[in-house]
Each structure stands twice: as structure tokens, then as C-alpha cells.
Amino acid sequence: MGLSFELVLSDLRPMMIGMWTIDPIDGTKGFLRGEQYAVCLSFLIDGNPIVGVIGCPNLPHRNNSAKGYIFVAVKDQGSERVSIIYILVMRPF
């Protein structure tokens, strides 16, 4: 008899305060075709979402030929859409 994933999680649950979740490629077919896809990240506390981030690198901008947005939401603080171009130009790594 092996350990199940549920058993391991239930053993850890009393120690868990916060947890990150990630969907590295939401829209696999779109990614493979060079079309729409997203990278999704969230932080949960006691199972409740606190922060959510969605990166959409191929989402076209409305007014020009640029592509890419990042959407960020923080519980009780609202949400924001930021152009990936803005992040690369204004906040270089």
C-alpha cells in the first residue's frame, strides 16, 4: 500500500498557513499553436485566494501591434492590468 497524495496533504494541512499555486501553461493548445495562453499564479491562505497573477504574453493591445499583459489582483485592494512592454521598458531586470 502506497501513500496517496491526499494522505500527504492531510498530514501537512495543520502546518500550512499559505500556499502558492501555479498553472504554468493555461491553454496548452494555444501555446503550441503560438496563439493565446496564460501563466497563472496565486497565493492562498487557509484556502482563500489573497493574490492572483495572470500573464498573457500573446494578448494583443487594443491600440497598437504590441502584445502581452499581466493582470494582478490583491484581496481587498483591487486589480490592475499592466502591459508587459511597460514592465520591460520601465522596470528592467
N, C-alpha and C. Protein backbone atom coordinates (compact mmCIF):
# COMPACT_ATOMS: atom_id res chain seq x y z
N MET A 1 0.84 -1.18 0.00
CA MET A 1 0.00 0.00 0.00
C MET A 1 0.89 1.25 0.00
N GLY A 2 0.71 2.11 -0.99
CA GLY A 2 1.50 3.33 -1.07
C GLY A 2 0.75 4.52 -0.49
N LEU A 3 1.48 5.59 -0.27
CA LEU A 3 0.86 6.81 0.22
C LEU A 3 0.12 7.51 -0.91
N SER A 4 -1.04 8.01 -0.63
CA SER A 4 -1.75 8.79 -1.64
C SER A 4 -1.42 10.26 -1.46
N PHE A 5 -1.62 11.02 -2.52
CA PHE A 5 -1.39 12.46 -2.47
C PHE A 5 -2.27 13.10 -1.40
N GLU A 6 -3.53 12.65 -1.29
CA GLU A 6 -4.45 13.19 -0.31
C GLU A 6 -3.96 12.95 1.11
N LEU A 7 -3.39 11.79 1.37
CA LEU A 7 -2.89 11.48 2.71
C LEU A 7 -1.75 12.42 3.07
N VAL A 8 -0.85 12.65 2.15
CA VAL A 8 0.28 13.54 2.41
C VAL A 8 -0.23 14.95 2.69
N LEU A 9 -1.17 15.45 1.89
CA LEU A 9 -1.72 16.79 2.12
C LEU A 9 -2.44 16.87 3.45
N SER A 10 -3.19 15.84 3.80
CA SER A 10 -3.92 15.90 5.07
C SER A 10 -2.95 15.90 6.25
N ASP A 11 -1.82 15.23 6.11
CA ASP A 11 -0.80 15.25 7.17
C ASP A 11 -0.17 16.63 7.31
N LEU A 12 -0.02 17.36 6.20
CA LEU A 12 0.64 18.66 6.23
C LEU A 12 -0.31 19.81 6.54
N ARG A 13 -1.61 19.61 6.32
CA ARG A 13 -2.57 20.71 6.45
C ARG A 13 -2.47 21.48 7.76
N PRO A 14 -2.30 20.86 8.92
CA PRO A 14 -2.20 21.65 10.15
C PRO A 14 -1.01 22.60 10.17
N MET A 15 0.04 22.30 9.39
CA MET A 15 1.22 23.15 9.35
C MET A 15 1.12 24.23 8.28
N MET A 16 0.16 24.12 7.37
CA MET A 16 0.07 25.04 6.25
C MET A 16 -0.63 26.33 6.65
N ILE A 17 0.02 27.43 6.39
CA ILE A 17 -0.60 28.74 6.58
C ILE A 17 -0.91 29.32 5.21
N GLY A 18 0.08 29.36 4.35
CA GLY A 18 -0.10 29.88 3.00
C GLY A 18 0.42 28.88 1.98
N MET A 19 -0.10 29.00 0.76
CA MET A 19 0.30 28.07 -0.28
C MET A 19 0.26 28.78 -1.63
N TRP A 20 1.29 28.58 -2.43
CA TRP A 20 1.33 29.09 -3.80
C TRP A 20 0.78 28.02 -4.73
N THR A 21 0.04 28.44 -5.73
CA THR A 21 -0.39 27.53 -6.79
C THR A 21 0.04 28.13 -8.13
N ILE A 22 0.32 27.26 -9.08
CA ILE A 22 0.74 27.73 -10.40
C ILE A 22 0.15 26.83 -11.47
N ASP A 23 -0.27 27.45 -12.53
CA ASP A 23 -0.64 26.74 -13.76
C ASP A 23 0.33 27.27 -14.81
N PRO A 24 1.42 26.54 -15.08
CA PRO A 24 2.48 27.09 -15.92
C PRO A 24 2.05 27.41 -17.35
N ILE A 25 1.12 26.65 -17.90
CA ILE A 25 0.60 26.97 -19.24
C ILE A 25 -0.88 26.64 -19.25
N ASP A 26 -1.70 27.66 -19.03
CA ASP A 26 -3.15 27.50 -19.13
C ASP A 26 -3.52 27.80 -20.58
N GLY A 27 -3.88 26.77 -21.30
CA GLY A 27 -4.15 26.90 -22.73
C GLY A 27 -3.04 26.26 -23.53
N THR A 28 -2.78 25.00 -23.25
CA THR A 28 -1.67 24.30 -23.89
C THR A 28 -1.76 24.32 -25.41
N LYS A 29 -2.97 24.10 -25.95
CA LYS A 29 -3.11 24.10 -27.41
C LYS A 29 -2.78 25.48 -27.99
N GLY A 30 -3.25 26.53 -27.34
CA GLY A 30 -2.92 27.88 -27.79
C GLY A 30 -1.43 28.14 -27.75
N PHE A 31 -0.77 27.68 -26.70
CA PHE A 31 0.68 27.83 -26.57
C PHE A 31 1.39 27.12 -27.72
N LEU A 32 1.00 25.88 -27.98
CA LEU A 32 1.66 25.10 -29.03
C LEU A 32 1.42 25.70 -30.41
N ARG A 33 0.29 26.36 -30.60
CA ARG A 33 -0.03 26.98 -31.89
C ARG A 33 0.50 28.40 -32.01
N GLY A 34 1.10 28.93 -30.95
CA GLY A 34 1.57 30.31 -30.96
C GLY A 34 0.43 31.30 -30.80
N GLU A 35 -0.68 30.84 -30.21
CA GLU A 35 -1.85 31.69 -30.02
C GLU A 35 -1.98 32.08 -28.55
N GLN A 36 -3.20 32.19 -28.05
CA GLN A 36 -3.45 32.63 -26.68
C GLN A 36 -3.12 31.54 -25.67
N TYR A 37 -2.49 31.95 -24.59
CA TYR A 37 -2.27 31.10 -23.42
C TYR A 37 -1.97 32.03 -22.25
N ALA A 38 -1.96 31.48 -21.06
CA ALA A 38 -1.70 32.29 -19.87
C ALA A 38 -0.84 31.49 -18.90
N VAL A 39 -0.11 32.21 -18.08
CA VAL A 39 0.63 31.64 -16.96
C VAL A 39 -0.04 32.20 -15.71
N CYS A 40 -0.53 31.31 -14.85
CA CYS A 40 -1.33 31.73 -13.70
C CYS A 40 -0.64 31.38 -12.39
N LEU A 41 -0.66 32.31 -11.46
CA LEU A 41 -0.02 32.14 -10.16
C LEU A 41 -0.95 32.73 -9.11
N SER A 42 -1.09 32.04 -7.99
CA SER A 42 -1.91 32.59 -6.90
C SER A 42 -1.31 32.20 -5.55
N PHE A 43 -1.66 33.01 -4.56
CA PHE A 43 -1.25 32.72 -3.18
C PHE A 43 -2.52 32.62 -2.35
N LEU A 44 -2.65 31.50 -1.62
CA LEU A 44 -3.82 31.24 -0.79
C LEU A 44 -3.43 31.14 0.68
N ILE A 45 -4.29 31.63 1.53
CA ILE A 45 -4.13 31.43 2.98
C ILE A 45 -5.39 30.74 3.46
N ASP A 46 -5.20 29.60 4.09
CA ASP A 46 -6.32 28.77 4.54
C ASP A 46 -7.31 28.51 3.42
N GLY A 47 -6.81 28.31 2.21
CA GLY A 47 -7.65 28.00 1.06
C GLY A 47 -8.32 29.20 0.41
N ASN A 48 -8.10 30.39 0.93
CA ASN A 48 -8.70 31.60 0.37
C ASN A 48 -7.69 32.36 -0.47
N PRO A 49 -8.05 32.75 -1.70
CA PRO A 49 -7.11 33.48 -2.54
C PRO A 49 -6.81 34.87 -1.98
N ILE A 50 -5.53 35.21 -1.93
CA ILE A 50 -5.08 36.51 -1.44
C ILE A 50 -4.51 37.33 -2.60
N VAL A 51 -3.70 36.70 -3.42
CA VAL A 51 -3.08 37.36 -4.57
C VAL A 51 -3.23 36.45 -5.78
N GLY A 52 -3.55 37.04 -6.91
CA GLY A 52 -3.62 36.30 -8.16
C GLY A 52 -2.91 37.07 -9.26
N VAL A 53 -2.13 36.37 -10.06
CA VAL A 53 -1.41 36.99 -11.17
C VAL A 53 -1.62 36.11 -12.40
N ILE A 54 -1.99 36.76 -13.50
CA ILE A 54 -2.15 36.04 -14.76
C ILE A 54 -1.31 36.78 -15.81
N GLY A 55 -0.39 36.07 -16.41
CA GLY A 55 0.41 36.62 -17.50
C GLY A 55 -0.11 36.10 -18.83
N CYS A 56 -0.43 37.01 -19.73
CA CYS A 56 -0.94 36.66 -21.06
C CYS A 56 -0.02 37.26 -22.11
N PRO A 57 1.07 36.58 -22.45
CA PRO A 57 2.07 37.16 -23.33
C PRO A 57 1.61 37.43 -24.75
N ASN A 58 0.60 36.71 -25.25
CA ASN A 58 0.15 36.91 -26.64
C ASN A 58 -1.14 37.71 -26.75
N LEU A 59 -1.64 38.25 -25.66
CA LEU A 59 -2.87 39.02 -25.71
C LEU A 59 -2.59 40.37 -26.37
N PRO A 60 -3.25 40.64 -27.51
CA PRO A 60 -2.94 41.87 -28.23
C PRO A 60 -3.43 43.12 -27.50
N HIS A 61 -2.69 44.20 -27.66
CA HIS A 61 -3.10 45.50 -27.15
C HIS A 61 -4.16 46.07 -28.08
N ARG A 62 -5.03 46.90 -27.56
CA ARG A 62 -6.13 47.44 -28.35
C ARG A 62 -5.68 48.47 -29.38
N ASN A 63 -4.70 49.29 -29.03
CA ASN A 63 -4.38 50.46 -29.86
C ASN A 63 -3.14 50.33 -30.73
N ASN A 64 -2.41 49.24 -30.62
CA ASN A 64 -1.21 49.09 -31.44
C ASN A 64 -0.91 47.61 -31.66
N SER A 65 0.22 47.34 -32.25
CA SER A 65 0.55 45.95 -32.58
C SER A 65 1.26 45.23 -31.44
N ALA A 66 1.46 45.89 -30.31
CA ALA A 66 2.13 45.26 -29.18
C ALA A 66 1.27 44.13 -28.61
N LYS A 67 1.93 43.23 -27.91
CA LYS A 67 1.24 42.10 -27.27
C LYS A 67 1.72 41.97 -25.84
N GLY A 68 0.85 41.40 -25.02
CA GLY A 68 1.23 40.98 -23.68
C GLY A 68 0.72 41.86 -22.55
N TYR A 69 0.03 41.23 -21.63
CA TYR A 69 -0.45 41.89 -20.42
C TYR A 69 -0.18 41.00 -19.21
N ILE A 70 -0.06 41.64 -18.07
CA ILE A 70 -0.06 40.94 -16.79
C ILE A 70 -1.20 41.53 -15.98
N PHE A 71 -2.04 40.65 -15.44
CA PHE A 71 -3.16 41.06 -14.61
C PHE A 71 -2.84 40.65 -13.17
N VAL A 72 -3.02 41.59 -12.24
CA VAL A 72 -2.72 41.33 -10.83
C VAL A 72 -3.94 41.72 -10.01
N ALA A 73 -4.31 40.87 -9.07
CA ALA A 73 -5.40 41.18 -8.14
C ALA A 73 -4.94 40.84 -6.73
N VAL A 74 -5.25 41.74 -5.80
CA VAL A 74 -4.92 41.54 -4.39
C VAL A 74 -6.21 41.69 -3.60
N LYS A 75 -6.48 40.73 -2.75
CA LYS A 75 -7.72 40.74 -1.97
C LYS A 75 -7.90 42.08 -1.25
N ASP A 76 -9.08 42.64 -1.38
CA ASP A 76 -9.47 43.90 -0.74
C ASP A 76 -8.69 45.12 -1.24
N GLN A 77 -7.92 44.97 -2.32
CA GLN A 77 -7.15 46.10 -2.84
C GLN A 77 -7.39 46.33 -4.33
N GLY A 78 -8.19 45.50 -4.97
CA GLY A 78 -8.50 45.70 -6.37
C GLY A 78 -7.56 44.96 -7.30
N SER A 79 -7.63 45.33 -8.57
CA SER A 79 -6.84 44.66 -9.59
C SER A 79 -6.25 45.69 -10.55
N GLU A 80 -5.30 45.22 -11.34
CA GLU A 80 -4.60 46.11 -12.27
C GLU A 80 -4.17 45.31 -13.49
N ARG A 81 -4.21 45.96 -14.65
CA ARG A 81 -3.68 45.37 -15.88
C ARG A 81 -2.47 46.19 -16.28
N VAL A 82 -1.36 45.51 -16.52
CA VAL A 82 -0.12 46.20 -16.89
C VAL A 82 0.42 45.58 -18.16
N SER A 83 0.84 46.42 -19.09
CA SER A 83 1.44 45.94 -20.32
C SER A 83 2.80 45.32 -20.03
N ILE A 84 3.06 44.19 -20.64
CA ILE A 84 4.39 43.56 -20.50
C ILE A 84 5.46 44.49 -21.05
N ILE A 85 5.15 45.21 -22.12
CA ILE A 85 6.10 46.17 -22.68
C ILE A 85 6.48 47.21 -21.63
N TYR A 86 5.50 47.73 -20.90
CA TYR A 86 5.77 48.72 -19.84
C TYR A 86 6.72 48.15 -18.79
N ILE A 87 6.49 46.91 -18.40
CA ILE A 87 7.33 46.29 -17.38
C ILE A 87 8.76 46.15 -17.90
N LEU A 88 8.93 45.72 -19.14
CA LEU A 88 10.27 45.53 -19.69
C LEU A 88 11.00 46.85 -19.89
N VAL A 89 10.28 47.92 -20.24
CA VAL A 89 10.92 49.20 -20.51
C VAL A 89 11.13 49.99 -19.21
N MET A 90 10.11 50.05 -18.37
CA MET A 90 10.16 50.89 -17.18
C MET A 90 10.81 50.22 -15.98
N ARG A 91 10.78 48.90 -15.95
CA ARG A 91 11.34 48.18 -14.81
C ARG A 91 12.29 47.09 -15.31
N PRO A 92 13.41 47.46 -15.92
CA PRO A 92 14.31 46.42 -16.45
C PRO A 92 14.91 45.58 -15.34
N PHE A 93 15.18 44.36 -15.67
CA PHE A 93 15.74 43.43 -14.67
C PHE A 93 17.22 43.60 -14.55
